[in-house]
Amino acid sequence: MAKPNKILGIPRRNFYGIIVFALILSTVPALLRFNTYYVYLATDIILIASLVAAWNIIGGYAGQLDLAASAYMALGAVVTGNLLAFYGLTPWLGIPIGVLIALGVAVAVGYPTFRFGIKEVWYALLTAALVVILSRIYWLIYGSTETYLPTYEWSWFYLRFNRYEPFYYMLVVMLAIVLWINYRIRHSKLGYYLNAIREDELAAEALGIDVRRYKLYALMIYATLASIIGGIYVCITGVVGYRNFDPWLGITTAVMGIVGGLGSVEGAVMSGMILRTLEDYLRGTIGSQYPGSHLLVYGIILIVVGVLKPEGLASLIEYVKKRIPWLKS
């Protein structure tokens, strides 16, 4: 009997690739000799890679230039953090509640937006404004005072640890889940519809695809994943405030997704890891001597990549795949 071509709804090579990739990432803390600072940076890189991979669903597959990644991520963070700080509610319950609120916001914004055909640059401006609006609303309710999560030496129930390794491994699992969802969508009817919408929305609608519905589905999945990531993030930092709604993070997430190549799962992860590592390195070297200068260098590098490889890192990945048949998906 022939072996099934798919495992859990995705091609076998993609499934095994995720497992191998997660196992390789799991060795990083040991390679870093469990240095607290370096493990924290590695945790931050995996978190951003997960967020960029989640953005790929709405931005890469559906072709919507969404700049609200930090809005949905922050909703998960502030809901989870405040429920823990004020009511002692475990993040295992706070994160799902944050997901429900993020989903509600996504539907409240996405349904009328897609219903009235707002897209391209206007959609980008609307989503960028959403981050600022939510930030102001939070500031009006809680003010500028930051809330600190209770400290525990080691508690899985409250997700509070005195080291970063548990969060790192949690995010590795989260990244694996986000990758699986990406591949699952790619090889499903939803993925085919979203790709058609990205290439030509009018043609897709003429073929009978309910454009508004499927774009909303993509937005809801993306918002869910971003909210979960935000819930984990607030447990890492231990601080809740209006600064969680960071417009710059929403922009950089979209930039990393574009640099990775729209619709390329591998490109999104690679771009998130490389650019976040580069950003942290520049901030710690050049930025420490000349504040803000790391952003200049970062911007120049992005421009060079955009000029030389406008299709993103996906072209390099495809080049490698052509020479290694096993990697073809």
C-alpha atoms as a PDB file:
ATOM      1  CA  MET A   1       0.000   0.000   0.000  1.00  0.00           C
ATOM      2  CA  ALA A   2       1.317   3.422  -0.988  1.00  0.00           C
ATOM      3  CA  LYS A   3       2.094   5.814   1.824  1.00  0.00           C
ATOM      4  CA  PRO A   4      -0.262   8.802   2.125  1.00  0.00           C
ATOM      5  CA  ASN A   5       1.106  11.961   0.536  1.00  0.00           C
ATOM      6  CA  LYS A   6      -0.018  14.141   3.435  1.00  0.00           C
ATOM      7  CA  ILE A   7       0.279  14.185   7.213  1.00  0.00           C
ATOM      8  CA  LEU A   8      -2.196  16.353   9.157  1.00  0.00           C
ATOM      9  CA  GLY A   9      -3.339  17.909   5.901  1.00  0.00           C
ATOM     10  CA  ILE A  10       0.074  19.048   4.615  1.00  0.00           C
ATOM     11  CA  PRO A  11       2.622  17.334   2.329  1.00  0.00           C
ATOM     12  CA  ARG A  12       4.884  14.854   4.113  1.00  0.00           C
ATOM     13  CA  ARG A  13       8.056  16.783   3.253  1.00  0.00           C
ATOM     14  CA  ASN A  14       6.577  19.960   4.743  1.00  0.00           C
ATOM     15  CA  PHE A  15       5.553  18.110   7.903  1.00  0.00           C
ATOM     16  CA  TYR A  16       8.977  16.539   8.339  1.00  0.00           C
ATOM     17  CA  GLY A  17      10.588  19.873   7.496  1.00  0.00           C
ATOM     18  CA  ILE A  18       8.702  21.579  10.336  1.00  0.00           C
ATOM     19  CA  ILE A  19       9.733  18.852  12.783  1.00  0.00           C
ATOM     20  CA  VAL A  20      13.398  19.017  11.780  1.00  0.00           C
ATOM     21  CA  PHE A  21      13.377  22.831  11.845  1.00  0.00           C
ATOM     22  CA  ALA A  22      11.832  22.855  15.340  1.00  0.00           C
ATOM     23  CA  LEU A  23      14.377  20.338  16.596  1.00  0.00           C
ATOM     24  CA  ILE A  24      17.245  22.421  15.230  1.00  0.00           C
ATOM     25  CA  LEU A  25      15.858  25.555  16.883  1.00  0.00           C
ATOM     26  CA  SER A  26      15.510  23.653  20.152  1.00  0.00           C
ATOM     27  CA  THR A  27      19.275  23.260  20.345  1.00  0.00           C
ATOM     28  CA  VAL A  28      19.934  27.024  20.213  1.00  0.00           C
ATOM     29  CA  PRO A  29      19.805  27.719  24.010  1.00  0.00           C
ATOM     30  CA  ALA A  30      22.376  24.975  24.596  1.00  0.00           C
ATOM     31  CA  LEU A  31      24.570  26.373  21.814  1.00  0.00           C
ATOM     32  CA  LEU A  32      24.319  29.772  23.523  1.00  0.00           C
ATOM     33  CA  ARG A  33      25.403  28.103  26.786  1.00  0.00           C
ATOM     34  CA  PHE A  34      22.074  29.201  28.291  1.00  0.00           C
ATOM     35  CA  ASN A  35      23.329  32.780  28.512  1.00  0.00           C
ATOM     36  CA  THR A  36      20.330  34.746  29.776  1.00  0.00           C
ATOM     37  CA  TYR A  37      20.781  37.745  27.486  1.00  0.00           C
ATOM     38  CA  TYR A  38      21.410  35.750  24.318  1.00  0.00           C
ATOM     39  CA  VAL A  39      18.535  33.366  25.028  1.00  0.00           C
ATOM     40  CA  TYR A  40      16.280  36.409  25.450  1.00  0.00           C
ATOM     41  CA  LEU A  41      17.399  37.736  22.055  1.00  0.00           C
ATOM     42  CA  ALA A  42      16.817  34.316  20.499  1.00  0.00           C
ATOM     43  CA  THR A  43      13.344  34.247  22.060  1.00  0.00           C
ATOM     44  CA  ASP A  44      12.583  37.660  20.594  1.00  0.00           C
ATOM     45  CA  ILE A  45      13.741  36.504  17.141  1.00  0.00           C
ATOM     46  CA  ILE A  46      11.523  33.401  17.222  1.00  0.00           C
ATOM     47  CA  LEU A  47       8.577  35.537  18.368  1.00  0.00           C
ATOM     48  CA  ILE A  48       8.991  37.961  15.470  1.00  0.00           C
ATOM     49  CA  ALA A  49       9.437  35.098  12.991  1.00  0.00           C
ATOM     50  CA  SER A  50       6.153  33.616  14.242  1.00  0.00           C
ATOM     51  CA  LEU A  51       4.405  36.968  13.864  1.00  0.00           C
ATOM     52  CA  VAL A  52       5.711  37.471  10.322  1.00  0.00           C
ATOM     53  CA  ALA A  53       4.650  33.926   9.376  1.00  0.00           C
ATOM     54  CA  ALA A  54       1.166  34.694  10.758  1.00  0.00           C
ATOM     55  CA  TRP A  55       1.101  37.946   8.743  1.00  0.00           C
ATOM     56  CA  ASN A  56       1.865  35.895   5.630  1.00  0.00           C
ATOM     57  CA  ILE A  57      -1.692  34.540   5.755  1.00  0.00           C
ATOM     58  CA  ILE A  58      -3.333  37.940   5.288  1.00  0.00           C
ATOM     59  CA  GLY A  59      -0.497  39.735   3.521  1.00  0.00           C
ATOM     60  CA  GLY A  60       1.130  36.953   1.519  1.00  0.00           C
ATOM     61  CA  TYR A  61      -1.757  34.689   0.598  1.00  0.00           C
ATOM     62  CA  ALA A  62      -4.611  37.217   0.527  1.00  0.00           C
ATOM     63  CA  GLY A  63      -2.462  40.123  -0.685  1.00  0.00           C
ATOM     64  CA  GLN A  64      -3.758  42.632   1.892  1.00  0.00           C
ATOM     65  CA  LEU A  65      -1.200  45.144   3.155  1.00  0.00           C
ATOM     66  CA  ASP A  66      -2.154  44.843   6.814  1.00  0.00           C
ATOM     67  CA  LEU A  67      -0.242  47.044   9.263  1.00  0.00           C
ATOM     68  CA  ALA A  68      -2.181  46.056  12.370  1.00  0.00           C
ATOM     69  CA  ALA A  69      -0.097  43.090  13.539  1.00  0.00           C
ATOM     70  CA  SER A  70       0.791  44.949  16.721  1.00  0.00           C
ATOM     71  CA  ALA A  71      -2.893  45.746  17.349  1.00  0.00           C
ATOM     72  CA  TYR A  72      -3.975  42.097  17.522  1.00  0.00           C
ATOM     73  CA  MET A  73      -0.776  41.105  19.290  1.00  0.00           C
ATOM     74  CA  ALA A  74      -1.258  43.905  21.845  1.00  0.00           C
ATOM     75  CA  LEU A  75      -4.888  42.937  22.445  1.00  0.00           C
ATOM     76  CA  GLY A  76      -3.746  39.455  23.385  1.00  0.00           C
ATOM     77  CA  ALA A  77      -1.030  40.958  25.567  1.00  0.00           C
ATOM     78  CA  VAL A  78      -3.096  43.517  27.493  1.00  0.00           C
ATOM     79  CA  VAL A  79      -6.048  41.185  28.045  1.00  0.00           C
ATOM     80  CA  THR A  80      -3.842  38.327  29.250  1.00  0.00           C
ATOM     81  CA  GLY A  81      -1.642  40.640  31.325  1.00  0.00           C
ATOM     82  CA  ASN A  82      -4.429  42.591  33.016  1.00  0.00           C
ATOM     83  CA  LEU A  83      -6.437  39.471  33.828  1.00  0.00           C
ATOM     84  CA  LEU A  84      -3.344  38.020  35.498  1.00  0.00           C
ATOM     85  CA  ALA A  85      -2.310  41.229  37.241  1.00  0.00           C
ATOM     86  CA  PHE A  86      -5.729  42.279  38.590  1.00  0.00           C
ATOM     87  CA  TYR A  87      -7.654  39.026  38.901  1.00  0.00           C
ATOM     88  CA  GLY A  88      -4.961  36.375  39.195  1.00  0.00           C
ATOM     89  CA  LEU A  89      -6.334  34.543  36.164  1.00  0.00           C
ATOM     90  CA  THR A  90      -3.895  32.108  34.611  1.00  0.00           C
ATOM     91  CA  PRO A  91      -2.662  32.989  31.093  1.00  0.00           C
ATOM     92  CA  TRP A  92      -3.933  29.564  29.957  1.00  0.00           C
ATOM     93  CA  LEU A  93      -7.403  31.136  30.268  1.00  0.00           C
ATOM     94  CA  GLY A  94      -6.384  34.736  29.633  1.00  0.00           C
ATOM     95  CA  ILE A  95      -4.904  33.971  26.211  1.00  0.00           C
ATOM     96  CA  PRO A  96      -8.141  32.417  24.850  1.00  0.00           C
ATOM     97  CA  ILE A  97     -10.123  35.390  26.165  1.00  0.00           C
ATOM     98  CA  GLY A  98      -7.658  37.710  24.418  1.00  0.00           C
ATOM     99  CA  VAL A  99      -8.133  35.697  21.228  1.00  0.00           C
ATOM    100  CA  LEU A 100     -11.918  36.176  21.407  1.00  0.00           C
ATOM    101  CA  ILE A 101     -11.528  39.937  21.828  1.00  0.00           C
ATOM    102  CA  ALA A 102      -8.976  40.135  18.997  1.00  0.00           C
ATOM    103  CA  LEU A 103     -11.340  38.125  16.785  1.00  0.00           C
ATOM    104  CA  GLY A 104     -14.177  40.495  17.658  1.00  0.00           C
ATOM    105  CA  VAL A 105     -12.075  43.501  16.675  1.00  0.00           C
ATOM    106  CA  ALA A 106     -10.929  41.761  13.479  1.00  0.00           C
ATOM    107  CA  VAL A 107     -14.508  41.043  12.427  1.00  0.00           C
ATOM    108  CA  ALA A 108     -15.719  44.523  13.451  1.00  0.00           C
ATOM    109  CA  VAL A 109     -12.992  46.110  11.317  1.00  0.00           C
ATOM    110  CA  GLY A 110     -12.698  43.558   8.538  1.00  0.00           C
ATOM    111  CA  TYR A 111     -16.343  43.009   7.668  1.00  0.00           C
ATOM    112  CA  PRO A 112     -17.232  46.620   6.769  1.00  0.00           C
ATOM    113  CA  THR A 113     -13.777  47.187   5.302  1.00  0.00           C
ATOM    114  CA  PHE A 114     -14.056  44.282   2.873  1.00  0.00           C
ATOM    115  CA  ARG A 115     -17.792  44.869   2.390  1.00  0.00           C
ATOM    116  CA  PHE A 116     -17.162  48.347   0.990  1.00  0.00           C
ATOM    117  CA  GLY A 117     -14.153  47.253  -1.050  1.00  0.00           C
ATOM    118  CA  ILE A 118     -11.443  49.133   0.845  1.00  0.00           C
ATOM    119  CA  LYS A 119      -8.091  47.747  -0.278  1.00  0.00           C
ATOM    120  CA  GLU A 120      -4.464  48.463  -1.148  1.00  0.00           C
ATOM    121  CA  VAL A 121      -3.094  51.712   0.304  1.00  0.00           C
ATOM    122  CA  TRP A 122      -6.407  52.664   1.918  1.00  0.00           C
ATOM    123  CA  TYR A 123      -6.563  49.335   3.707  1.00  0.00           C
ATOM    124  CA  ALA A 124      -2.975  49.848   4.883  1.00  0.00           C
ATOM    125  CA  LEU A 125      -3.818  53.288   6.277  1.00  0.00           C
ATOM    126  CA  LEU A 126      -6.931  51.967   7.983  1.00  0.00           C
ATOM    127  CA  THR A 127      -5.066  49.158   9.723  1.00  0.00           C
ATOM    128  CA  ALA A 128      -2.248  51.500  10.738  1.00  0.00           C
ATOM    129  CA  ALA A 129      -4.849  53.817  12.247  1.00  0.00           C
ATOM    130  CA  LEU A 130      -6.373  50.892  14.151  1.00  0.00           C
ATOM    131  CA  VAL A 131      -3.172  50.516  16.193  1.00  0.00           C
ATOM    132  CA  VAL A 132      -3.220  54.191  17.167  1.00  0.00           C
ATOM    133  CA  ILE A 133      -6.943  54.146  17.982  1.00  0.00           C
ATOM    134  CA  LEU A 134      -6.655  51.120  20.244  1.00  0.00           C
ATOM    135  CA  SER A 135      -3.623  52.671  21.918  1.00  0.00           C
ATOM    136  CA  ARG A 136      -5.569  55.856  22.700  1.00  0.00           C
ATOM    137  CA  ILE A 137      -8.572  53.889  23.979  1.00  0.00           C
ATOM    138  CA  TYR A 138      -6.330  51.897  26.302  1.00  0.00           C
ATOM    139  CA  TRP A 139      -4.635  55.103  27.476  1.00  0.00           C
ATOM    140  CA  LEU A 140      -8.018  56.700  28.262  1.00  0.00           C
ATOM    141  CA  ILE A 141      -9.004  53.674  30.364  1.00  0.00           C
ATOM    142  CA  TYR A 142      -5.751  52.871  32.161  1.00  0.00           C
ATOM    143  CA  GLY A 143      -3.707  56.015  31.651  1.00  0.00           C
ATOM    144  CA  SER A 144       0.030  56.024  31.082  1.00  0.00           C
ATOM    145  CA  THR A 145       0.776  53.895  34.147  1.00  0.00           C
ATOM    146  CA  GLU A 146       2.270  50.529  33.325  1.00  0.00           C
ATOM    147  CA  THR A 147       1.031  47.415  35.103  1.00  0.00           C
ATOM    148  CA  TYR A 148       3.542  44.824  36.238  1.00  0.00           C
ATOM    149  CA  LEU A 149       2.684  41.152  36.343  1.00  0.00           C
ATOM    150  CA  PRO A 150       3.144  39.305  39.656  1.00  0.00           C
ATOM    151  CA  THR A 151       6.488  37.567  39.977  1.00  0.00           C
ATOM    152  CA  TYR A 152       6.923  33.874  40.617  1.00  0.00           C
ATOM    153  CA  GLU A 153      10.208  32.020  40.716  1.00  0.00           C
ATOM    154  CA  TRP A 154       8.883  29.226  38.506  1.00  0.00           C
ATOM    155  CA  SER A 155       5.219  28.665  37.647  1.00  0.00           C
ATOM    156  CA  TRP A 156       3.793  26.933  34.583  1.00  0.00           C
ATOM    157  CA  PHE A 157       0.313  27.768  35.821  1.00  0.00           C
ATOM    158  CA  TYR A 158       0.981  31.515  35.619  1.00  0.00           C
ATOM    159  CA  LEU A 159       3.683  31.297  32.938  1.00  0.00           C
ATOM    160  CA  ARG A 160       6.123  33.241  35.076  1.00  0.00           C
ATOM    161  CA  PHE A 161       9.730  32.078  35.126  1.00  0.00           C
ATOM    162  CA  ASN A 162      13.075  33.441  36.247  1.00  0.00           C
ATOM    163  CA  ARG A 163      14.658  32.335  32.959  1.00  0.00           C
ATOM    164  CA  TYR A 164      13.748  32.651  29.277  1.00  0.00           C
ATOM    165  CA  GLU A 165      14.250  29.052  28.137  1.00  0.00           C
ATOM    166  CA  PRO A 166      10.622  27.979  28.819  1.00  0.00           C
ATOM    167  CA  PHE A 167       9.334  30.892  26.740  1.00  0.00           C
ATOM    168  CA  TYR A 168      11.804  30.086  23.997  1.00  0.00           C
ATOM    169  CA  TYR A 169      10.595  26.501  23.699  1.00  0.00           C
ATOM    170  CA  MET A 170       6.960  27.640  23.845  1.00  0.00           C
ATOM    171  CA  LEU A 171       7.585  29.972  20.934  1.00  0.00           C
ATOM    172  CA  VAL A 172       9.373  27.259  18.970  1.00  0.00           C
ATOM    173  CA  VAL A 173       6.207  25.174  19.317  1.00  0.00           C
ATOM    174  CA  MET A 174       4.137  28.230  18.377  1.00  0.00           C
ATOM    175  CA  LEU A 175       6.266  28.819  15.287  1.00  0.00           C
ATOM    176  CA  ALA A 176       5.816  25.175  14.278  1.00  0.00           C
ATOM    177  CA  ILE A 177       2.034  25.551  14.645  1.00  0.00           C
ATOM    178  CA  VAL A 178       2.002  28.757  12.583  1.00  0.00           C
ATOM    179  CA  LEU A 179       4.045  27.041   9.872  1.00  0.00           C
ATOM    180  CA  TRP A 180       1.664  24.081   9.868  1.00  0.00           C
ATOM    181  CA  ILE A 181      -1.330  26.407   9.517  1.00  0.00           C
ATOM    182  CA  ASN A 182       0.385  28.222   6.642  1.00  0.00           C
ATOM    183  CA  TYR A 183       1.046  24.978   4.774  1.00  0.00           C
ATOM    184  CA  ARG A 184      -2.437  23.714   5.609  1.00  0.00           C
ATOM    185  CA  ILE A 185      -3.966  26.819   4.075  1.00  0.00           C
ATOM    186  CA  ARG A 186      -1.646  26.725   1.066  1.00  0.00           C
ATOM    187  CA  HIS A 187      -2.795  23.216   0.152  1.00  0.00           C
ATOM    188  CA  SER A 188      -6.501  23.804   0.774  1.00  0.00           C
ATOM    189  CA  LYS A 189      -9.381  25.423  -1.055  1.00  0.00           C
ATOM    190  CA  LEU A 190      -8.952  28.509   1.122  1.00  0.00           C
ATOM    191  CA  GLY A 191      -5.354  28.868  -0.031  1.00  0.00           C
ATOM    192  CA  TYR A 192      -6.264  28.596  -3.708  1.00  0.00           C
ATOM    193  CA  TYR A 193      -9.005  31.189  -3.274  1.00  0.00           C
ATOM    194  CA  LEU A 194      -6.713  33.565  -1.389  1.00  0.00           C
ATOM    195  CA  ASN A 195      -4.009  33.271  -4.062  1.00  0.00           C
ATOM    196  CA  ALA A 196      -6.592  34.046  -6.736  1.00  0.00           C
ATOM    197  CA  ILE A 197      -7.724  37.085  -4.749  1.00  0.00           C
ATOM    198  CA  ARG A 198      -4.128  38.283  -4.388  1.00  0.00           C
ATOM    199  CA  GLU A 199      -3.402  37.962  -8.113  1.00  0.00           C
ATOM    200  CA  ASP A 200      -6.612  39.590  -9.374  1.00  0.00           C
ATOM    201  CA  GLU A 201      -9.472  40.319  -7.014  1.00  0.00           C
ATOM    202  CA  LEU A 202     -11.943  41.271  -9.748  1.00  0.00           C
ATOM    203  CA  ALA A 203     -11.199  38.132 -11.764  1.00  0.00           C
ATOM    204  CA  ALA A 204     -11.553  35.981  -8.652  1.00  0.00           C
ATOM    205  CA  GLU A 205     -14.948  37.522  -7.934  1.00  0.00           C
ATOM    206  CA  ALA A 206     -16.009  36.992 -11.540  1.00  0.00           C
ATOM    207  CA  LEU A 207     -15.178  33.289 -11.133  1.00  0.00           C
ATOM    208  CA  GLY A 208     -17.616  33.054  -8.241  1.00  0.00           C
ATOM    209  CA  ILE A 209     -15.238  33.353  -5.281  1.00  0.00           C
ATOM    210  CA  ASP A 210     -16.774  35.160  -2.311  1.00  0.00           C
ATOM    211  CA  VAL A 211     -13.887  37.601  -1.980  1.00  0.00           C
ATOM    212  CA  ARG A 212     -15.153  39.354   1.134  1.00  0.00           C
ATOM    213  CA  ARG A 213     -15.753  36.114   3.019  1.00  0.00           C
ATOM    214  CA  TYR A 214     -12.373  34.556   2.335  1.00  0.00           C
ATOM    215  CA  LYS A 215     -10.430  37.730   3.066  1.00  0.00           C
ATOM    216  CA  LEU A 216     -12.274  37.889   6.379  1.00  0.00           C
ATOM    217  CA  TYR A 217     -11.347  34.265   7.090  1.00  0.00           C
ATOM    218  CA  ALA A 218      -7.677  35.078   6.467  1.00  0.00           C
ATOM    219  CA  LEU A 219      -7.893  38.131   8.738  1.00  0.00           C
ATOM    220  CA  MET A 220      -9.490  36.106  11.536  1.00  0.00           C
ATOM    221  CA  ILE A 221      -6.832  33.384  11.412  1.00  0.00           C
ATOM    222  CA  TYR A 222      -4.066  35.986  11.364  1.00  0.00           C
ATOM    223  CA  ALA A 223      -5.604  37.923  14.270  1.00  0.00           C
ATOM    224  CA  THR A 224      -5.963  34.716  16.304  1.00  0.00           C
ATOM    225  CA  LEU A 225      -2.315  33.756  15.885  1.00  0.00           C
ATOM    226  CA  ALA A 226      -1.069  37.301  16.563  1.00  0.00           C
ATOM    227  CA  SER A 227      -3.165  37.452  19.738  1.00  0.00           C
ATOM    228  CA  ILE A 228      -1.746  34.158  21.046  1.00  0.00           C
ATOM    229  CA  ILE A 229       1.773  35.403  20.352  1.00  0.00           C
ATOM    230  CA  GLY A 230       0.919  38.598  22.241  1.00  0.00           C
ATOM    231  CA  GLY A 231      -0.282  36.587  25.241  1.00  0.00           C
ATOM    232  CA  ILE A 232       3.042  34.778  25.402  1.00  0.00           C
ATOM    233  CA  TYR A 233       4.952  38.026  24.851  1.00  0.00           C
ATOM    234  CA  VAL A 234       3.407  39.804  27.845  1.00  0.00           C
ATOM    235  CA  CYS A 235       4.410  36.895  30.084  1.00  0.00           C
ATOM    236  CA  ILE A 236       7.977  37.316  28.847  1.00  0.00           C
ATOM    237  CA  THR A 237       8.181  41.062  29.489  1.00  0.00           C
ATOM    238  CA  GLY A 238       5.955  41.117  32.569  1.00  0.00           C
ATOM    239  CA  VAL A 239       4.728  44.638  31.719  1.00  0.00           C
ATOM    240  CA  VAL A 240       1.351  45.821  30.387  1.00  0.00           C
ATOM    241  CA  GLY A 241       0.682  49.320  29.073  1.00  0.00           C
ATOM    242  CA  TYR A 242      -0.446  51.422  26.153  1.00  0.00           C
ATOM    243  CA  ARG A 243       3.031  51.039  24.663  1.00  0.00           C
ATOM    244  CA  ASN A 244       2.101  47.463  23.748  1.00  0.00           C
ATOM    245  CA  PHE A 245       0.250  49.026  20.823  1.00  0.00           C
ATOM    246  CA  ASP A 246       3.385  49.773  18.823  1.00  0.00           C
ATOM    247  CA  PRO A 247       2.752  51.144  15.281  1.00  0.00           C
ATOM    248  CA  TRP A 248       6.394  50.543  14.336  1.00  0.00           C
ATOM    249  CA  LEU A 249       6.061  46.825  15.035  1.00  0.00           C
ATOM    250  CA  GLY A 250       3.071  46.619  12.701  1.00  0.00           C
ATOM    251  CA  ILE A 251       5.042  48.300   9.935  1.00  0.00           C
ATOM    252  CA  THR A 252       8.202  46.220  10.389  1.00  0.00           C
ATOM    253  CA  THR A 253       6.144  43.012  10.421  1.00  0.00           C
ATOM    254  CA  ALA A 254       4.675  43.882   7.023  1.00  0.00           C
ATOM    255  CA  VAL A 255       8.104  44.930   5.713  1.00  0.00           C
ATOM    256  CA  MET A 256       9.636  41.617   6.791  1.00  0.00           C
ATOM    257  CA  GLY A 257       6.783  39.734   5.158  1.00  0.00           C
ATOM    258  CA  ILE A 258       7.273  41.615   1.894  1.00  0.00           C
ATOM    259  CA  VAL A 259      11.051  41.148   1.947  1.00  0.00           C
ATOM    260  CA  GLY A 260      10.500  37.438   2.515  1.00  0.00           C
ATOM    261  CA  GLY A 261       8.308  37.224  -0.576  1.00  0.00           C
ATOM    262  CA  LEU A 262       4.518  37.379  -0.609  1.00  0.00           C
ATOM    263  CA  GLY A 263       3.053  33.937  -0.096  1.00  0.00           C
ATOM    264  CA  SER A 264       6.376  32.283   0.753  1.00  0.00           C
ATOM    265  CA  VAL A 265       6.194  30.597   4.166  1.00  0.00           C
ATOM    266  CA  GLU A 266       9.902  29.875   4.245  1.00  0.00           C
ATOM    267  CA  GLY A 267      10.718  33.390   3.060  1.00  0.00           C
ATOM    268  CA  ALA A 268       8.581  34.949   5.801  1.00  0.00           C
ATOM    269  CA  VAL A 269      10.352  32.982   8.540  1.00  0.00           C
ATOM    270  CA  MET A 270      13.807  33.574   7.062  1.00  0.00           C
ATOM    271  CA  SER A 271      13.145  37.291   6.636  1.00  0.00           C
ATOM    272  CA  GLY A 272      11.813  37.639  10.183  1.00  0.00           C
ATOM    273  CA  MET A 273      14.830  35.887  11.672  1.00  0.00           C
ATOM    274  CA  ILE A 274      17.483  37.612   9.568  1.00  0.00           C
ATOM    275  CA  LEU A 275      16.083  41.140   9.770  1.00  0.00           C
ATOM    276  CA  ARG A 276      15.256  40.938  13.470  1.00  0.00           C
ATOM    277  CA  THR A 277      18.743  39.618  14.220  1.00  0.00           C
ATOM    278  CA  LEU A 278      20.216  42.406  12.124  1.00  0.00           C
ATOM    279  CA  GLU A 279      18.058  45.011  13.850  1.00  0.00           C
ATOM    280  CA  ASP A 280      19.070  43.824  17.322  1.00  0.00           C
ATOM    281  CA  TYR A 281      22.739  43.720  16.307  1.00  0.00           C
ATOM    282  CA  LEU A 282      22.690  47.237  14.841  1.00  0.00           C
ATOM    283  CA  ARG A 283      20.839  48.575  17.855  1.00  0.00           C
ATOM    284  CA  GLY A 284      23.430  47.095  20.202  1.00  0.00           C
ATOM    285  CA  THR A 285      26.456  48.303  18.214  1.00  0.00           C
ATOM    286  CA  ILE A 286      25.919  51.400  16.094  1.00  0.00           C
ATOM    287  CA  GLY A 287      22.709  52.413  17.859  1.00  0.00           C
ATOM    288  CA  SER A 288      24.371  52.435  21.277  1.00  0.00           C
ATOM    289  CA  GLN A 289      26.908  55.035  20.100  1.00  0.00           C
ATOM    290  CA  TYR A 290      24.666  57.060  17.788  1.00  0.00           C
ATOM    291  CA  PRO A 291      21.032  56.723  18.904  1.00  0.00           C
ATOM    292  CA  GLY A 292      18.706  56.034  15.987  1.00  0.00           C
ATOM    293  CA  SER A 293      21.513  55.453  13.485  1.00  0.00           C
ATOM    294  CA  HIS A 294      20.766  51.726  13.404  1.00  0.00           C
ATOM    295  CA  LEU A 295      17.438  52.552  11.775  1.00  0.00           C
ATOM    296  CA  LEU A 296      19.278  54.365   8.982  1.00  0.00           C
ATOM    297  CA  VAL A 297      21.491  51.363   8.254  1.00  0.00           C
ATOM    298  CA  TYR A 298      18.498  49.040   8.541  1.00  0.00           C
ATOM    299  CA  GLY A 299      16.573  51.162   6.036  1.00  0.00           C
ATOM    300  CA  ILE A 300      19.462  51.225   3.560  1.00  0.00           C
ATOM    301  CA  ILE A 301      19.733  47.440   3.692  1.00  0.00           C
ATOM    302  CA  LEU A 302      16.005  47.104   3.020  1.00  0.00           C
ATOM    303  CA  ILE A 303      16.268  49.440   0.028  1.00  0.00           C
ATOM    304  CA  VAL A 304      19.160  47.426  -1.400  1.00  0.00           C
ATOM    305  CA  VAL A 305      17.214  44.194  -1.001  1.00  0.00           C
ATOM    306  CA  GLY A 306      14.161  45.792  -2.606  1.00  0.00           C
ATOM    307  CA  VAL A 307      16.162  46.968  -5.614  1.00  0.00           C
ATOM    308  CA  LEU A 308      18.228  43.820  -6.163  1.00  0.00           C
ATOM    309  CA  LYS A 309      15.582  41.245  -5.195  1.00  0.00           C
ATOM    310  CA  PRO A 310      12.118  42.844  -5.539  1.00  0.00           C
ATOM    311  CA  GLU A 311      10.504  39.391  -5.385  1.00  0.00           C
ATOM    312  CA  GLY A 312      12.027  38.918  -1.935  1.00  0.00           C
ATOM    313  CA  LEU A 313      13.984  36.093  -0.362  1.00  0.00           C
ATOM    314  CA  ALA A 314      11.508  33.643  -1.885  1.00  0.00           C
ATOM    315  CA  SER A 315      13.489  33.730  -5.132  1.00  0.00           C
ATOM    316  CA  LEU A 316      16.622  32.491  -3.337  1.00  0.00           C
ATOM    317  CA  ILE A 317      14.620  29.741  -1.647  1.00  0.00           C
ATOM    318  CA  GLU A 318      13.139  28.642  -4.972  1.00  0.00           C
ATOM    319  CA  TYR A 319      16.647  28.593  -6.460  1.00  0.00           C
ATOM    320  CA  VAL A 320      17.764  26.200  -3.724  1.00  0.00           C
ATOM    321  CA  LYS A 321      14.643  24.058  -4.107  1.00  0.00           C
ATOM    322  CA  LYS A 322      15.283  23.557  -7.809  1.00  0.00           C
ATOM    323  CA  ARG A 323      18.649  22.025  -6.982  1.00  0.00           C
ATOM    324  CA  ILE A 324      17.360  19.894  -4.117  1.00  0.00           C
ATOM    325  CA  PRO A 325      14.292  18.028  -5.425  1.00  0.00           C
ATOM    326  CA  TRP A 326      13.343  16.766  -1.946  1.00  0.00           C
ATOM    327  CA  LEU A 327      12.601  20.355  -0.870  1.00  0.00           C
ATOM    328  CA  LYS A 328      10.041  20.965  -3.580  1.00  0.00           C
ATOM    329  CA  SER A 329       6.554  21.406  -2.113  1.00  0.00           C
END
